[in-house]
PDB file of N, CA and C in Angstrom:
ATOM      1  N   MET A   1      21.744  17.158  71.550  1.00  0.00           N
ATOM      2  CA  MET A   1      20.556  16.369  71.779  1.00  0.00           C
ATOM      3  C   MET A   1      20.707  15.472  73.002  1.00  0.00           C
ATOM      4  N   ALA A   2      21.927  15.236  73.468  1.00  0.00           N
ATOM      5  CA  ALA A   2      22.150  14.340  74.591  1.00  0.00           C
ATOM      6  C   ALA A   2      21.604  14.916  75.902  1.00  0.00           C
ATOM      7  N   ASN A   3      21.371  16.227  75.944  1.00  0.00           N
ATOM      8  CA  ASN A   3      20.909  16.840  77.183  1.00  0.00           C
ATOM      9  C   ASN A   3      19.385  16.934  77.269  1.00  0.00           C
ATOM     10  N   LEU A   4      18.652  16.328  76.332  1.00  0.00           N
ATOM     11  CA  LEU A   4      17.193  16.348  76.374  1.00  0.00           C
ATOM     12  C   LEU A   4      16.680  15.329  77.379  1.00  0.00           C
ATOM     13  N   LEU A   5      15.688  15.734  78.141  1.00  0.00           N
ATOM     14  CA  LEU A   5      15.085  14.838  79.124  1.00  0.00           C
ATOM     15  C   LEU A   5      13.852  14.162  78.515  1.00  0.00           C
ATOM     16  N   PRO A   6      13.628  12.899  78.844  1.00  0.00           N
ATOM     17  CA  PRO A   6      12.428  12.231  78.330  1.00  0.00           C
ATOM     18  C   PRO A   6      11.174  12.797  78.986  1.00  0.00           C
ATOM     19  N   LEU A   7      10.078  12.795  78.252  1.00  0.00           N
ATOM     20  CA  LEU A   7       8.802  13.238  78.809  1.00  0.00           C
ATOM     21  C   LEU A   7       8.187  12.079  79.579  1.00  0.00           C
ATOM     22  N   PRO A   8       7.751  12.328  80.814  1.00  0.00           N
ATOM     23  CA  PRO A   8       7.175  11.236  81.602  1.00  0.00           C
ATOM     24  C   PRO A   8       5.886  10.716  80.964  1.00  0.00           C
ATOM     25  N   GLY A   9       5.738   9.408  80.973  1.00  0.00           N
ATOM     26  CA  GLY A   9       4.511   8.792  80.467  1.00  0.00           C
ATOM     27  C   GLY A   9       4.455   8.632  78.967  1.00  0.00           C
ATOM     28  N   ILE A  10       5.481   9.052  78.248  1.00  0.00           N
ATOM     29  CA  ILE A  10       5.482   8.913  76.799  1.00  0.00           C
ATOM     30  C   ILE A  10       6.506   7.853  76.418  1.00  0.00           C
ATOM     31  N   SER A  11       6.026   6.809  75.769  1.00  0.00           N
ATOM     32  CA  SER A  11       6.896   5.713  75.367  1.00  0.00           C
ATOM     33  C   SER A  11       7.583   6.031  74.050  1.00  0.00           C
ATOM     34  N   ASN A  12       8.697   5.376  73.836  1.00  0.00           N
ATOM     35  CA  ASN A  12       9.386   5.473  72.557  1.00  0.00           C
ATOM     36  C   ASN A  12       8.811   4.436  71.596  1.00  0.00           C
ATOM     37  N   TYR A  13       8.582   4.839  70.380  1.00  0.00           N
ATOM     38  CA  TYR A  13       8.098   3.930  69.355  1.00  0.00           C
ATOM     39  C   TYR A  13       9.015   4.023  68.149  1.00  0.00           C
ATOM     40  N   THR A  14       9.173   2.903  67.499  1.00  0.00           N
ATOM     41  CA  THR A  14       9.913   2.871  66.254  1.00  0.00           C
ATOM     42  C   THR A  14       8.911   2.999  65.121  1.00  0.00           C
ATOM     43  N   ILE A  15       9.215   3.845  64.153  1.00  0.00           N
ATOM     44  CA  ILE A  15       8.368   4.016  62.977  1.00  0.00           C
ATOM     45  C   ILE A  15       9.171   3.569  61.761  1.00  0.00           C
ATOM     46  N   ALA A  16       8.634   2.587  61.040  1.00  0.00           N
ATOM     47  CA  ALA A  16       9.280   2.104  59.822  1.00  0.00           C
ATOM     48  C   ALA A  16       8.551   2.700  58.623  1.00  0.00           C
ATOM     49  N   VAL A  17       9.288   3.395  57.773  1.00  0.00           N
ATOM     50  CA  VAL A  17       8.749   3.980  56.550  1.00  0.00           C
ATOM     51  C   VAL A  17       9.217   3.083  55.407  1.00  0.00           C
ATOM     52  N   LEU A  18       8.269   2.382  54.778  1.00  0.00           N
ATOM     53  CA  LEU A  18       8.610   1.347  53.812  1.00  0.00           C
ATOM     54  C   LEU A  18       7.908   1.549  52.475  1.00  0.00           C
ATOM     55  N   THR A  19       8.579   1.156  51.425  1.00  0.00           N
ATOM     56  CA  THR A  19       8.027   1.140  50.076  1.00  0.00           C
ATOM     57  C   THR A  19       8.213  -0.278  49.539  1.00  0.00           C
ATOM     58  N   PRO A  20       7.324  -1.193  49.928  1.00  0.00           N
ATOM     59  CA  PRO A  20       7.511  -2.586  49.527  1.00  0.00           C
ATOM     60  C   PRO A  20       7.341  -2.784  48.022  1.00  0.00           C
ATOM     61  N   GLN A  21       8.151  -3.693  47.490  1.00  0.00           N
ATOM     62  CA  GLN A  21       8.080  -4.038  46.069  1.00  0.00           C
ATOM     63  C   GLN A  21       7.568  -5.458  45.875  1.00  0.00           C
ATOM     64  N   THR A  22       7.655  -6.275  46.958  1.00  0.00           N
ATOM     65  CA  THR A  22       7.197  -7.657  46.883  1.00  0.00           C
ATOM     66  C   THR A  22       6.254  -7.931  48.045  1.00  0.00           C
ATOM     67  N   PHE A  23       5.461  -8.978  47.893  1.00  0.00           N
ATOM     68  CA  PHE A  23       4.525  -9.345  48.947  1.00  0.00           C
ATOM     69  C   PHE A  23       5.281  -9.750  50.215  1.00  0.00           C
ATOM     70  N   ASP A  24       6.444 -10.373  50.065  1.00  0.00           N
ATOM     71  CA  ASP A  24       7.240 -10.769  51.225  1.00  0.00           C
ATOM     72  C   ASP A  24       7.627  -9.565  52.080  1.00  0.00           C
ATOM     73  N   GLU A  25       7.912  -8.449  51.441  1.00  0.00           N
ATOM     74  CA  GLU A  25       8.252  -7.238  52.189  1.00  0.00           C
ATOM     75  C   GLU A  25       7.061  -6.741  53.004  1.00  0.00           C
ATOM     76  N   THR A  26       5.871  -6.875  52.447  1.00  0.00           N
ATOM     77  CA  THR A  26       4.669  -6.480  53.184  1.00  0.00           C
ATOM     78  C   THR A  26       4.446  -7.414  54.362  1.00  0.00           C
ATOM     79  N   ALA A  27       4.674  -8.703  54.164  1.00  0.00           N
ATOM     80  CA  ALA A  27       4.542  -9.672  55.254  1.00  0.00           C
ATOM     81  C   ALA A  27       5.555  -9.375  56.362  1.00  0.00           C
ATOM     82  N   GLN A  28       6.768  -8.969  56.002  1.00  0.00           N
ATOM     83  CA  GLN A  28       7.781  -8.602  56.997  1.00  0.00           C
ATOM     84  C   GLN A  28       7.347  -7.355  57.763  1.00  0.00           C
ATOM     85  N   ALA A  29       6.710  -6.427  57.085  1.00  0.00           N
ATOM     86  CA  ALA A  29       6.208  -5.220  57.739  1.00  0.00           C
ATOM     87  C   ALA A  29       5.137  -5.583  58.761  1.00  0.00           C
ATOM     88  N   VAL A  30       4.276  -6.520  58.414  1.00  0.00           N
ATOM     89  CA  VAL A  30       3.228  -6.961  59.341  1.00  0.00           C
ATOM     90  C   VAL A  30       3.857  -7.645  60.554  1.00  0.00           C
ATOM     91  N   ASP A  31       4.906  -8.431  60.344  1.00  0.00           N
ATOM     92  CA  ASP A  31       5.608  -9.050  61.472  1.00  0.00           C
ATOM     93  C   ASP A  31       6.172  -7.983  62.401  1.00  0.00           C
ATOM     94  N   ALA A  32       6.723  -6.925  61.842  1.00  0.00           N
ATOM     95  CA  ALA A  32       7.244  -5.816  62.651  1.00  0.00           C
ATOM     96  C   ALA A  32       6.109  -5.120  63.398  1.00  0.00           C
ATOM     97  N   LEU A  33       4.970  -4.966  62.750  1.00  0.00           N
ATOM     98  CA  LEU A  33       3.792  -4.368  63.387  1.00  0.00           C
ATOM     99  C   LEU A  33       3.378  -5.203  64.595  1.00  0.00           C
ATOM    100  N   LYS A  34       3.351  -6.520  64.437  1.00  0.00           N
ATOM    101  CA  LYS A  34       2.994  -7.409  65.546  1.00  0.00           C
ATOM    102  C   LYS A  34       3.986  -7.279  66.702  1.00  0.00           C
ATOM    103  N   ALA A  35       5.224  -6.916  66.401  1.00  0.00           N
ATOM    104  CA  ALA A  35       6.252  -6.744  67.429  1.00  0.00           C
ATOM    105  C   ALA A  35       6.220  -5.349  68.052  1.00  0.00           C
ATOM    106  N   GLY A  36       5.311  -4.464  67.588  1.00  0.00           N
ATOM    107  CA  GLY A  36       5.147  -3.155  68.199  1.00  0.00           C
ATOM    108  C   GLY A  36       5.658  -1.975  67.397  1.00  0.00           C
ATOM    109  N   THR A  37       6.113  -2.206  66.176  1.00  0.00           N
ATOM    110  CA  THR A  37       6.615  -1.125  65.336  1.00  0.00           C
ATOM    111  C   THR A  37       5.463  -0.448  64.593  1.00  0.00           C
ATOM    112  N   VAL A  38       5.483   0.866  64.531  1.00  0.00           N
ATOM    113  CA  VAL A  38       4.526   1.621  63.721  1.00  0.00           C
ATOM    114  C   VAL A  38       5.014   1.543  62.272  1.00  0.00           C
ATOM    115  N   ILE A  39       4.096   1.264  61.351  1.00  0.00           N
ATOM    116  CA  ILE A  39       4.465   1.045  59.956  1.00  0.00           C
ATOM    117  C   ILE A  39       3.786   2.081  59.059  1.00  0.00           C
ATOM    118  N   LEU A  40       4.580   2.751  58.240  1.00  0.00           N
ATOM    119  CA  LEU A  40       4.071   3.648  57.209  1.00  0.00           C
ATOM    120  C   LEU A  40       4.411   2.993  55.876  1.00  0.00           C
ATOM    121  N   LEU A  41       3.379   2.560  55.149  1.00  0.00           N
ATOM    122  CA  LEU A  41       3.587   1.859  53.883  1.00  0.00           C
ATOM    123  C   LEU A  41       3.219   2.762  52.719  1.00  0.00           C
ATOM    124  N   ASN A  42       4.151   2.894  51.795  1.00  0.00           N
ATOM    125  CA  ASN A  42       3.953   3.676  50.581  1.00  0.00           C
ATOM    126  C   ASN A  42       3.885   2.707  49.409  1.00  0.00           C
ATOM    127  N   PHE A  43       2.707   2.557  48.827  1.00  0.00           N
ATOM    128  CA  PHE A  43       2.502   1.634  47.716  1.00  0.00           C
ATOM    129  C   PHE A  43       2.494   2.352  46.366  1.00  0.00           C
ATOM    130  N   ALA A  44       2.959   3.591  46.319  1.00  0.00           N
ATOM    131  CA  ALA A  44       2.865   4.406  45.105  1.00  0.00           C
ATOM    132  C   ALA A  44       3.630   3.817  43.925  1.00  0.00           C
ATOM    133  N   SER A  45       4.673   3.038  44.190  1.00  0.00           N
ATOM    134  CA  SER A  45       5.453   2.492  43.079  1.00  0.00           C
ATOM    135  C   SER A  45       4.874   1.186  42.534  1.00  0.00           C
ATOM    136  N   LEU A  46       3.777   0.719  43.122  1.00  0.00           N
ATOM    137  CA  LEU A  46       3.130  -0.509  42.666  1.00  0.00           C
ATOM    138  C   LEU A  46       1.940  -0.175  41.778  1.00  0.00           C
ATOM    139  N   GLY A  47       1.534  -1.105  40.980  1.00  0.00           N
ATOM    140  CA  GLY A  47       0.299  -0.947  40.212  1.00  0.00           C
ATOM    141  C   GLY A  47      -0.888  -0.931  41.158  1.00  0.00           C
ATOM    142  N   THR A  48      -1.991  -0.404  40.701  1.00  0.00           N
ATOM    143  CA  THR A  48      -3.177  -0.239  41.549  1.00  0.00           C
ATOM    144  C   THR A  48      -3.663  -1.567  42.122  1.00  0.00           C
ATOM    145  N   GLU A  49      -3.737  -2.594  41.306  1.00  0.00           N
ATOM    146  CA  GLU A  49      -4.246  -3.894  41.756  1.00  0.00           C
ATOM    147  C   GLU A  49      -3.332  -4.516  42.811  1.00  0.00           C
ATOM    148  N   LEU A  50      -2.029  -4.477  42.570  1.00  0.00           N
ATOM    149  CA  LEU A  50      -1.071  -5.035  43.516  1.00  0.00           C
ATOM    150  C   LEU A  50      -1.039  -4.220  44.808  1.00  0.00           C
ATOM    151  N   ALA A  51      -1.095  -2.906  44.689  1.00  0.00           N
ATOM    152  CA  ALA A  51      -1.126  -2.040  45.870  1.00  0.00           C
ATOM    153  C   ALA A  51      -2.354  -2.342  46.722  1.00  0.00           C
ATOM    154  N   GLN A  52      -3.497  -2.560  46.094  1.00  0.00           N
ATOM    155  CA  GLN A  52      -4.718  -2.880  46.833  1.00  0.00           C
ATOM    156  C   GLN A  52      -4.591  -4.211  47.558  1.00  0.00           C
ATOM    157  N   ARG A  53      -3.975  -5.187  46.895  1.00  0.00           N
ATOM    158  CA  ARG A  53      -3.766  -6.503  47.517  1.00  0.00           C
ATOM    159  C   ARG A  53      -2.877  -6.369  48.749  1.00  0.00           C
ATOM    160  N   PHE A  54      -1.790  -5.625  48.634  1.00  0.00           N
ATOM    161  CA  PHE A  54      -0.872  -5.433  49.755  1.00  0.00           C
ATOM    162  C   PHE A  54      -1.571  -4.678  50.892  1.00  0.00           C
ATOM    163  N   ALA A  55      -2.309  -3.639  50.542  1.00  0.00           N
ATOM    164  CA  ALA A  55      -3.008  -2.844  51.555  1.00  0.00           C
ATOM    165  C   ALA A  55      -4.060  -3.683  52.268  1.00  0.00           C
ATOM    166  N   ASP A  56      -4.780  -4.516  51.538  1.00  0.00           N
ATOM    167  CA  ASP A  56      -5.788  -5.388  52.145  1.00  0.00           C
ATOM    168  C   ASP A  56      -5.149  -6.367  53.122  1.00  0.00           C
ATOM    169  N   PHE A  57      -4.006  -6.937  52.748  1.00  0.00           N
ATOM    170  CA  PHE A  57      -3.299  -7.868  53.622  1.00  0.00           C
ATOM    171  C   PHE A  57      -2.862  -7.170  54.899  1.00  0.00           C
ATOM    172  N   ALA A  58      -2.273  -5.999  54.765  1.00  0.00           N
ATOM    173  CA  ALA A  58      -1.807  -5.253  55.934  1.00  0.00           C
ATOM    174  C   ALA A  58      -2.987  -4.831  56.815  1.00  0.00           C
ATOM    175  N   ALA A  59      -4.086  -4.418  56.188  1.00  0.00           N
ATOM    176  CA  ALA A  59      -5.271  -3.996  56.948  1.00  0.00           C
ATOM    177  C   ALA A  59      -5.884  -5.166  57.712  1.00  0.00           C
ATOM    178  N   GLY A  60      -5.979  -6.311  57.066  1.00  0.00           N
ATOM    179  CA  GLY A  60      -6.527  -7.493  57.731  1.00  0.00           C
ATOM    180  C   GLY A  60      -5.657  -7.931  58.892  1.00  0.00           C
ATOM    181  N   SER A  61      -4.357  -7.894  58.699  1.00  0.00           N
ATOM    182  CA  SER A  61      -3.427  -8.272  59.766  1.00  0.00           C
ATOM    183  C   SER A  61      -3.512  -7.292  60.928  1.00  0.00           C
ATOM    184  N   THR A  62      -3.641  -6.005  60.617  1.00  0.00           N
ATOM    185  CA  THR A  62      -3.768  -4.982  61.653  1.00  0.00           C
ATOM    186  C   THR A  62      -5.042  -5.192  62.456  1.00  0.00           C
ATOM    187  N   CYS A  63      -6.120  -5.488  61.773  1.00  0.00           N
ATOM    188  CA  CYS A  63      -7.392  -5.757  62.441  1.00  0.00           C
ATOM    189  C   CYS A  63      -7.281  -6.987  63.347  1.00  0.00           C
ATOM    190  N   ALA A  64      -6.581  -8.008  62.886  1.00  0.00           N
ATOM    191  CA  ALA A  64      -6.440  -9.257  63.643  1.00  0.00           C
ATOM    192  C   ALA A  64      -5.730  -9.042  64.974  1.00  0.00           C
ATOM    193  N   ILE A  65      -4.829  -8.071  65.044  1.00  0.00           N
ATOM    194  CA  ILE A  65      -4.123  -7.806  66.303  1.00  0.00           C
ATOM    195  C   ILE A  65      -4.736  -6.633  67.070  1.00  0.00           C
ATOM    196  N   SER A  66      -5.904  -6.168  66.627  1.00  0.00           N
ATOM    197  CA  SER A  66      -6.609  -5.029  67.236  1.00  0.00           C
ATOM    198  C   SER A  66      -5.807  -3.740  67.132  1.00  0.00           C
ATOM    199  N   GLY A  67      -5.038  -3.621  66.048  1.00  0.00           N
ATOM    200  CA  GLY A  67      -4.277  -2.402  65.795  1.00  0.00           C
ATOM    201  C   GLY A  67      -5.141  -1.348  65.132  1.00  0.00           C
ATOM    202  N   HIS A  68      -4.506  -0.311  64.644  1.00  0.00           N
ATOM    203  CA  HIS A  68      -5.215   0.804  64.027  1.00  0.00           C
ATOM    204  C   HIS A  68      -4.609   1.107  62.659  1.00  0.00           C
ATOM    205  N   GLN A  69      -5.435   1.669  61.792  1.00  0.00           N
ATOM    206  CA  GLN A  69      -4.956   2.011  60.459  1.00  0.00           C
ATOM    207  C   GLN A  69      -5.606   3.299  59.984  1.00  0.00           C
ATOM    208  N   GLN A  70      -4.888   3.978  59.104  1.00  0.00           N
ATOM    209  CA  GLN A  70      -5.395   5.224  58.531  1.00  0.00           C
ATOM    210  C   GLN A  70      -4.762   5.404  57.160  1.00  0.00           C
ATOM    211  N   GLN A  71      -5.592   5.686  56.172  1.00  0.00           N
ATOM    212  CA  GLN A  71      -5.047   6.037  54.864  1.00  0.00           C
ATOM    213  C   GLN A  71      -4.679   7.510  54.920  1.00  0.00           C
ATOM    214  N   LEU A  72      -3.427   7.820  54.615  1.00  0.00           N
ATOM    215  CA  LEU A  72      -2.936   9.194  54.707  1.00  0.00           C
ATOM    216  C   LEU A  72      -2.954   9.915  53.370  1.00  0.00           C
ATOM    217  N   GLY A  73      -2.948   9.160  52.299  1.00  0.00           N
ATOM    218  CA  GLY A  73      -2.923   9.737  50.963  1.00  0.00           C
ATOM    219  C   GLY A  73      -3.112   8.634  49.951  1.00  0.00           C
ATOM    220  N   HIS A  74      -2.946   8.986  48.695  1.00  0.00           N
ATOM    221  CA  HIS A  74      -3.086   7.994  47.631  1.00  0.00           C
ATOM    222  C   HIS A  74      -2.001   6.932  47.795  1.00  0.00           C
ATOM    223  N   GLN A  75      -2.400   5.718  48.117  1.00  0.00           N
ATOM    224  CA  GLN A  75      -1.519   4.568  48.309  1.00  0.00           C
ATOM    225  C   GLN A  75      -0.481   4.780  49.416  1.00  0.00           C
ATOM    226  N   LEU A  76      -0.846   5.556  50.434  1.00  0.00           N
ATOM    227  CA  LEU A  76       0.003   5.788  51.597  1.00  0.00           C
ATOM    228  C   LEU A  76      -0.817   5.476  52.850  1.00  0.00           C
ATOM    229  N   TYR A  77      -0.355   4.494  53.632  1.00  0.00           N
ATOM    230  CA  TYR A  77      -1.128   3.992  54.763  1.00  0.00           C
ATOM    231  C   TYR A  77      -0.280   3.949  56.024  1.00  0.00           C
ATOM    232  N   LEU A  78      -0.927   4.238  57.157  1.00  0.00           N
ATOM    233  CA  LEU A  78      -0.306   4.156  58.469  1.00  0.00           C
ATOM    234  C   LEU A  78      -0.961   3.006  59.225  1.00  0.00           C
ATOM    235  N   PHE A  79      -0.137   2.101  59.764  1.00  0.00           N
ATOM    236  CA  PHE A  79      -0.615   0.969  60.553  1.00  0.00           C
ATOM    237  C   PHE A  79       0.086   1.012  61.897  1.00  0.00           C
ATOM    238  N   THR A  80      -0.690   0.901  62.985  1.00  0.00           N
ATOM    239  CA  THR A  80      -0.104   0.959  64.315  1.00  0.00           C
ATOM    240  C   THR A  80      -0.536  -0.252  65.130  1.00  0.00           C
ATOM    241  N   PRO A  81       0.315  -0.664  66.071  1.00  0.00           N
ATOM    242  CA  PRO A  81      -0.084  -1.735  66.986  1.00  0.00           C
ATOM    243  C   PRO A  81      -1.162  -1.214  67.929  1.00  0.00           C
ATOM    244  N   PRO A  82      -1.803  -2.105  68.684  1.00  0.00           N
ATOM    245  CA  PRO A  82      -2.899  -1.669  69.567  1.00  0.00           C
ATOM    246  C   PRO A  82      -2.484  -0.650  70.618  1.00  0.00           C
ATOM    247  N   THR A  83      -1.197  -0.579  70.931  1.00  0.00           N
ATOM    248  CA  THR A  83      -0.722   0.354  71.961  1.00  0.00           C
ATOM    249  C   THR A  83      -0.565   1.783  71.463  1.00  0.00           C
ATOM    250  N   VAL A  84      -0.762   2.004  70.147  1.00  0.00           N
ATOM    251  CA  VAL A  84      -0.610   3.340  69.558  1.00  0.00           C
ATOM    252  C   VAL A  84      -1.923   3.734  68.897  1.00  0.00           C
ATOM    253  N   ASP A  85      -2.529   4.806  69.372  1.00  0.00           N
ATOM    254  CA  ASP A  85      -3.771   5.303  68.783  1.00  0.00           C
ATOM    255  C   ASP A  85      -3.469   6.287  67.665  1.00  0.00           C
ATOM    256  N   ILE A  86      -4.382   6.360  66.715  1.00  0.00           N
ATOM    257  CA  ILE A  86      -4.317   7.374  65.655  1.00  0.00           C
ATOM    258  C   ILE A  86      -5.476   8.321  65.892  1.00  0.00           C
ATOM    259  N   ILE A  87      -5.188   9.599  65.995  1.00  0.00           N
ATOM    260  CA  ILE A  87      -6.250  10.598  66.131  1.00  0.00           C
ATOM    261  C   ILE A  87      -6.174  11.546  64.945  1.00  0.00           C
ATOM    262  N   THR A  88      -7.296  12.114  64.588  1.00  0.00           N
ATOM    263  CA  THR A  88      -7.322  13.005  63.430  1.00  0.00           C
ATOM    264  C   THR A  88      -7.536  14.469  63.822  1.00  0.00           C
ATOM    265  N   GLN A  89      -7.761  14.704  65.113  1.00  0.00           N
ATOM    266  CA  GLN A  89      -7.888  16.079  65.599  1.00  0.00           C
ATOM    267  C   GLN A  89      -7.287  16.180  66.987  1.00  0.00           C
ATOM    268  N   LEU A  90      -6.611  17.283  67.249  1.00  0.00           N
ATOM    269  CA  LEU A  90      -6.049  17.515  68.571  1.00  0.00           C
ATOM    270  C   LEU A  90      -7.078  18.207  69.446  1.00  0.00           C
ATOM    271  N   LYS A  91      -7.092  17.854  70.721  1.00  0.00           N
ATOM    272  CA  LYS A  91      -7.972  18.520  71.655  1.00  0.00           C
ATOM    273  C   LYS A  91      -7.367  19.865  72.015  1.00  0.00           C
ATOM    274  N   THR A  92      -8.215  20.865  72.158  1.00  0.00           N
ATOM    275  CA  THR A  92      -7.739  22.181  72.565  1.00  0.00           C
ATOM    276  C   THR A  92      -7.741  22.283  74.076  1.00  0.00           C
ATOM    277  N   CYS A  93      -6.849  23.073  74.615  1.00  0.00           N
ATOM    278  CA  CYS A  93      -6.715  23.216  76.077  1.00  0.00           C
ATOM    279  C   CYS A  93      -7.825  24.038  76.653  1.00  0.00           C
TER     280      CYS A  93
END
């Protein structure tokens, strides 16, 4: 892998895949999002009410920084900083 060349114009991003159990962990994820990390939050191990509370907090924080969000599945959410777009379809050549 050391001989791979970087693609011009493509930045490196860190993606954190998290399964928070406490609200503090969700707040830490939002802090990482503000610092430019892409966050994938899996709330499947939480109860529905608590998962909704955590998702609402993360969504509001993402909106506040002009980031992007997408629900990927049941209690699985992707949050990105404003520098990373989420698209749902690829353009054809």
